[in-house]
Amino acid sequence: MKSIVVRYQAKPERAEENQKLIEAVFADMEERQPNGFTYKVFRLDDGVSFLHVVIEHDVPDPDSLQDVPAFRAFVADIAERCDVPPQAVGATVVGGYR
């Protein structure tokens, strides 16, 4: 399984907007029901840091997060919403529970 972790800091005045855009991604995904990946987003306790985790599953013909229209809208102007730009790193799942 391939995994990607992305961390960034939104500008304080745009953190709520950023969260609303993320919520729109999940609403779009709920409607579309894409298959083949797990996607989680965390807003850290400082209120401006966000952590996105994508875990791709080994399934035939997986969907892509990039194909979700609300996700494309979310990433379109992410740099303008950030004080610290997104940094993506690959990761390996060591273990998990539920």
N, C-alpha and C. Protein backbone atom coordinates (compact mmCIF):
# COMPACT_ATOMS: atom_id res chain seq x y z
N MET A 1 0.84 -1.19 0.00
CA MET A 1 0.00 0.00 0.00
C MET A 1 0.88 1.25 0.00
N LYS A 2 0.56 2.16 -0.87
CA LYS A 2 1.25 3.44 -0.93
C LYS A 2 0.50 4.43 -0.06
N SER A 3 1.25 5.20 0.70
CA SER A 3 0.63 6.22 1.56
C SER A 3 1.34 7.55 1.37
N ILE A 4 0.58 8.62 1.52
CA ILE A 4 1.12 9.97 1.42
C ILE A 4 0.60 10.77 2.60
N VAL A 5 1.49 11.52 3.23
CA VAL A 5 1.14 12.39 4.33
C VAL A 5 1.50 13.81 3.92
N VAL A 6 0.55 14.74 4.07
CA VAL A 6 0.77 16.14 3.69
C VAL A 6 0.47 17.00 4.90
N ARG A 7 1.41 17.88 5.22
CA ARG A 7 1.21 18.79 6.35
C ARG A 7 1.47 20.22 5.88
N TYR A 8 0.68 21.16 6.42
CA TYR A 8 0.84 22.57 6.09
C TYR A 8 0.18 23.42 7.16
N GLN A 9 0.42 24.72 7.11
CA GLN A 9 -0.23 25.67 8.01
C GLN A 9 -0.99 26.69 7.19
N ALA A 10 -2.27 26.78 7.48
CA ALA A 10 -3.10 27.80 6.83
C ALA A 10 -2.84 29.15 7.49
N LYS A 11 -3.10 30.20 6.76
CA LYS A 11 -3.07 31.53 7.36
C LYS A 11 -4.19 31.57 8.39
N PRO A 12 -3.97 32.17 9.56
CA PRO A 12 -5.00 32.16 10.60
C PRO A 12 -6.36 32.65 10.12
N GLU A 13 -6.36 33.68 9.29
CA GLU A 13 -7.63 34.24 8.82
C GLU A 13 -8.29 33.37 7.74
N ARG A 14 -7.59 32.33 7.28
CA ARG A 14 -8.15 31.47 6.23
C ARG A 14 -8.31 30.01 6.67
N ALA A 15 -8.02 29.74 7.94
CA ALA A 15 -8.10 28.36 8.44
C ALA A 15 -9.53 27.82 8.39
N GLU A 16 -10.51 28.64 8.73
CA GLU A 16 -11.92 28.19 8.67
C GLU A 16 -12.35 27.92 7.24
N GLU A 17 -11.94 28.78 6.33
CA GLU A 17 -12.23 28.58 4.91
C GLU A 17 -11.62 27.26 4.44
N ASN A 18 -10.38 27.02 4.85
CA ASN A 18 -9.70 25.78 4.48
C ASN A 18 -10.48 24.56 4.99
N GLN A 19 -10.94 24.63 6.22
CA GLN A 19 -11.71 23.52 6.77
C GLN A 19 -13.01 23.31 6.00
N LYS A 20 -13.68 24.38 5.65
CA LYS A 20 -14.94 24.27 4.88
C LYS A 20 -14.69 23.60 3.52
N LEU A 21 -13.57 23.94 2.89
CA LEU A 21 -13.23 23.31 1.61
C LEU A 21 -12.97 21.81 1.79
N ILE A 22 -12.32 21.46 2.89
CA ILE A 22 -12.07 20.04 3.19
C ILE A 22 -13.39 19.33 3.44
N GLU A 23 -14.27 19.96 4.19
CA GLU A 23 -15.59 19.36 4.45
C GLU A 23 -16.35 19.14 3.15
N ALA A 24 -16.18 20.04 2.18
CA ALA A 24 -16.83 19.88 0.88
C ALA A 24 -16.26 18.67 0.14
N VAL A 25 -14.97 18.41 0.31
CA VAL A 25 -14.36 17.23 -0.31
C VAL A 25 -15.02 15.97 0.24
N PHE A 26 -15.19 15.90 1.55
CA PHE A 26 -15.79 14.71 2.15
C PHE A 26 -17.26 14.57 1.76
N ALA A 27 -17.97 15.68 1.62
CA ALA A 27 -19.36 15.61 1.17
C ALA A 27 -19.42 15.08 -0.26
N ASP A 28 -18.53 15.55 -1.11
CA ASP A 28 -18.46 15.09 -2.49
C ASP A 28 -18.12 13.59 -2.53
N MET A 29 -17.17 13.18 -1.70
CA MET A 29 -16.79 11.77 -1.66
C MET A 29 -17.94 10.90 -1.15
N GLU A 30 -18.68 11.39 -0.19
CA GLU A 30 -19.82 10.64 0.34
C GLU A 30 -20.84 10.40 -0.78
N GLU A 31 -21.02 11.39 -1.62
CA GLU A 31 -21.96 11.27 -2.73
C GLU A 31 -21.43 10.34 -3.82
N ARG A 32 -20.14 10.47 -4.15
CA ARG A 32 -19.55 9.73 -5.26
C ARG A 32 -19.10 8.32 -4.89
N GLN A 33 -18.77 8.11 -3.61
CA GLN A 33 -18.31 6.80 -3.12
C GLN A 33 -17.10 6.26 -3.90
N PRO A 34 -16.00 7.03 -3.97
CA PRO A 34 -14.82 6.51 -4.66
C PRO A 34 -14.27 5.29 -3.94
N ASN A 35 -13.57 4.45 -4.68
CA ASN A 35 -13.07 3.19 -4.16
C ASN A 35 -11.55 3.13 -4.34
N GLY A 36 -10.88 2.50 -3.40
CA GLY A 36 -9.46 2.23 -3.59
C GLY A 36 -8.53 3.02 -2.71
N PHE A 37 -9.06 3.88 -1.86
CA PHE A 37 -8.18 4.63 -0.97
C PHE A 37 -8.92 5.04 0.30
N THR A 38 -8.14 5.29 1.33
CA THR A 38 -8.63 5.85 2.57
C THR A 38 -8.07 7.27 2.66
N TYR A 39 -8.90 8.21 3.08
CA TYR A 39 -8.48 9.61 3.17
C TYR A 39 -8.94 10.16 4.51
N LYS A 40 -7.99 10.67 5.27
CA LYS A 40 -8.27 11.28 6.57
C LYS A 40 -7.61 12.65 6.61
N VAL A 41 -8.27 13.61 7.24
CA VAL A 41 -7.70 14.94 7.43
C VAL A 41 -7.84 15.32 8.89
N PHE A 42 -6.77 15.85 9.44
CA PHE A 42 -6.75 16.27 10.84
C PHE A 42 -6.42 17.76 10.90
N ARG A 43 -7.16 18.48 11.75
CA ARG A 43 -6.81 19.87 12.07
C ARG A 43 -6.15 19.81 13.44
N LEU A 44 -4.92 20.26 13.53
CA LEU A 44 -4.18 20.14 14.76
C LEU A 44 -4.62 21.20 15.77
N ASP A 45 -4.23 20.98 17.01
CA ASP A 45 -4.71 21.83 18.11
C ASP A 45 -4.30 23.29 18.00
N ASP A 46 -3.31 23.61 17.19
CA ASP A 46 -2.95 25.02 17.04
C ASP A 46 -3.97 25.78 16.19
N GLY A 47 -4.88 25.04 15.55
CA GLY A 47 -5.96 25.66 14.79
C GLY A 47 -5.63 26.03 13.35
N VAL A 48 -4.34 26.02 13.00
CA VAL A 48 -3.95 26.40 11.65
C VAL A 48 -3.20 25.31 10.89
N SER A 49 -2.74 24.29 11.61
CA SER A 49 -2.01 23.19 10.97
C SER A 49 -2.98 22.09 10.58
N PHE A 50 -2.78 21.56 9.37
CA PHE A 50 -3.61 20.48 8.86
C PHE A 50 -2.70 19.34 8.43
N LEU A 51 -3.21 18.12 8.61
CA LEU A 51 -2.49 16.92 8.23
C LEU A 51 -3.44 16.05 7.42
N HIS A 52 -3.06 15.75 6.19
CA HIS A 52 -3.86 14.91 5.30
C HIS A 52 -3.12 13.58 5.14
N VAL A 53 -3.85 12.49 5.22
CA VAL A 53 -3.27 11.16 5.05
C VAL A 53 -4.08 10.41 4.00
N VAL A 54 -3.41 9.93 2.97
CA VAL A 54 -4.03 9.13 1.92
C VAL A 54 -3.35 7.77 1.92
N ILE A 55 -4.15 6.73 2.02
CA ILE A 55 -3.64 5.36 1.93
C ILE A 55 -4.31 4.71 0.73
N GLU A 56 -3.50 4.35 -0.24
CA GLU A 56 -4.03 3.70 -1.44
C GLU A 56 -4.10 2.20 -1.19
N HIS A 57 -5.23 1.60 -1.53
CA HIS A 57 -5.44 0.17 -1.33
C HIS A 57 -5.14 -0.59 -2.62
N ASP A 58 -4.73 -1.82 -2.45
CA ASP A 58 -4.45 -2.68 -3.61
C ASP A 58 -5.75 -3.30 -4.09
N VAL A 59 -6.44 -2.57 -4.97
CA VAL A 59 -7.69 -3.05 -5.56
C VAL A 59 -7.64 -2.83 -7.06
N PRO A 60 -8.37 -3.64 -7.82
CA PRO A 60 -8.40 -3.40 -9.26
C PRO A 60 -9.15 -2.09 -9.58
N ASP A 61 -8.64 -1.36 -10.52
CA ASP A 61 -9.27 -0.12 -10.99
C ASP A 61 -9.62 0.86 -9.87
N PRO A 62 -8.64 1.27 -9.05
CA PRO A 62 -8.95 2.21 -7.97
C PRO A 62 -9.29 3.59 -8.50
N ASP A 63 -10.15 4.28 -7.79
CA ASP A 63 -10.43 5.68 -8.10
C ASP A 63 -9.27 6.52 -7.56
N SER A 64 -9.22 7.76 -7.98
CA SER A 64 -8.18 8.67 -7.52
C SER A 64 -8.81 9.86 -6.80
N LEU A 65 -8.19 10.27 -5.73
CA LEU A 65 -8.64 11.47 -5.03
C LEU A 65 -8.61 12.67 -5.97
N GLN A 66 -7.67 12.68 -6.90
CA GLN A 66 -7.55 13.78 -7.86
C GLN A 66 -8.77 13.89 -8.77
N ASP A 67 -9.55 12.82 -8.86
CA ASP A 67 -10.74 12.83 -9.71
C ASP A 67 -11.98 13.39 -9.01
N VAL A 68 -11.87 13.70 -7.73
CA VAL A 68 -12.99 14.24 -6.97
C VAL A 68 -13.03 15.76 -7.22
N PRO A 69 -14.09 16.28 -7.85
CA PRO A 69 -14.14 17.71 -8.19
C PRO A 69 -13.90 18.64 -7.00
N ALA A 70 -14.46 18.33 -5.85
CA ALA A 70 -14.27 19.21 -4.69
C ALA A 70 -12.81 19.19 -4.22
N PHE A 71 -12.12 18.08 -4.43
CA PHE A 71 -10.69 18.04 -4.07
C PHE A 71 -9.90 18.93 -5.02
N ARG A 72 -10.22 18.87 -6.29
CA ARG A 72 -9.54 19.75 -7.26
C ARG A 72 -9.78 21.22 -6.90
N ALA A 73 -10.99 21.55 -6.46
CA ALA A 73 -11.28 22.93 -6.03
C ALA A 73 -10.48 23.28 -4.78
N PHE A 74 -10.35 22.33 -3.88
CA PHE A 74 -9.59 22.55 -2.64
C PHE A 74 -8.12 22.87 -2.94
N VAL A 75 -7.50 22.09 -3.82
CA VAL A 75 -6.07 22.30 -4.08
C VAL A 75 -5.79 23.46 -5.03
N ALA A 76 -6.80 23.95 -5.73
CA ALA A 76 -6.60 24.98 -6.75
C ALA A 76 -5.88 26.22 -6.22
N ASP A 77 -6.23 26.67 -5.03
CA ASP A 77 -5.60 27.89 -4.49
C ASP A 77 -5.03 27.65 -3.10
N ILE A 78 -4.58 26.43 -2.83
CA ILE A 78 -4.05 26.10 -1.50
C ILE A 78 -2.87 26.99 -1.12
N ALA A 79 -2.00 27.30 -2.05
CA ALA A 79 -0.82 28.12 -1.73
C ALA A 79 -1.22 29.49 -1.20
N GLU A 80 -2.31 30.05 -1.72
CA GLU A 80 -2.76 31.37 -1.27
C GLU A 80 -3.34 31.33 0.14
N ARG A 81 -3.81 30.15 0.59
CA ARG A 81 -4.39 30.02 1.92
C ARG A 81 -3.36 29.68 2.99
N CYS A 82 -2.10 29.45 2.59
CA CYS A 82 -1.12 28.92 3.53
C CYS A 82 -0.02 29.90 3.92
N ASP A 83 0.37 29.83 5.20
CA ASP A 83 1.59 30.48 5.67
C ASP A 83 2.78 29.55 5.46
N VAL A 84 2.57 28.26 5.69
CA VAL A 84 3.58 27.23 5.44
C VAL A 84 3.00 26.31 4.38
N PRO A 85 3.64 26.24 3.20
CA PRO A 85 3.06 25.47 2.09
C PRO A 85 3.01 23.97 2.38
N PRO A 86 2.14 23.27 1.67
CA PRO A 86 2.03 21.83 1.85
C PRO A 86 3.34 21.12 1.54
N GLN A 87 3.67 20.19 2.41
CA GLN A 87 4.83 19.34 2.21
C GLN A 87 4.34 17.90 2.23
N ALA A 88 4.49 17.22 1.12
CA ALA A 88 4.03 15.84 0.99
C ALA A 88 5.22 14.90 1.12
N VAL A 89 5.02 13.83 1.88
CA VAL A 89 6.03 12.80 2.01
C VAL A 89 5.36 11.44 1.89
N GLY A 90 6.07 10.52 1.29
CA GLY A 90 5.60 9.16 1.25
C GLY A 90 5.74 8.54 2.63
N ALA A 91 4.92 7.56 2.90
CA ALA A 91 4.96 6.90 4.20
C ALA A 91 4.62 5.43 4.02
N THR A 92 5.06 4.62 4.96
CA THR A 92 4.75 3.21 4.96
C THR A 92 3.90 2.89 6.19
N VAL A 93 2.79 2.23 5.98
CA VAL A 93 1.94 1.83 7.09
C VAL A 93 2.65 0.71 7.84
N VAL A 94 2.90 0.94 9.12
CA VAL A 94 3.55 -0.05 9.96
C VAL A 94 2.50 -0.93 10.64
N GLY A 95 1.40 -0.33 10.99
CA GLY A 95 0.32 -1.06 11.63
C GLY A 95 -0.89 -0.16 11.78
N GLY A 96 -1.97 -0.74 12.16
CA GLY A 96 -3.20 0.02 12.35
C GLY A 96 -4.21 -0.81 13.11
N TYR A 97 -5.15 -0.15 13.64
CA TYR A 97 -6.24 -0.80 14.36
C TYR A 97 -7.52 -0.11 13.99
N ARG A 98 -8.44 -0.83 13.38
CA ARG A 98 -9.73 -0.31 12.90
C ARG A 98 -9.53 0.83 12.00
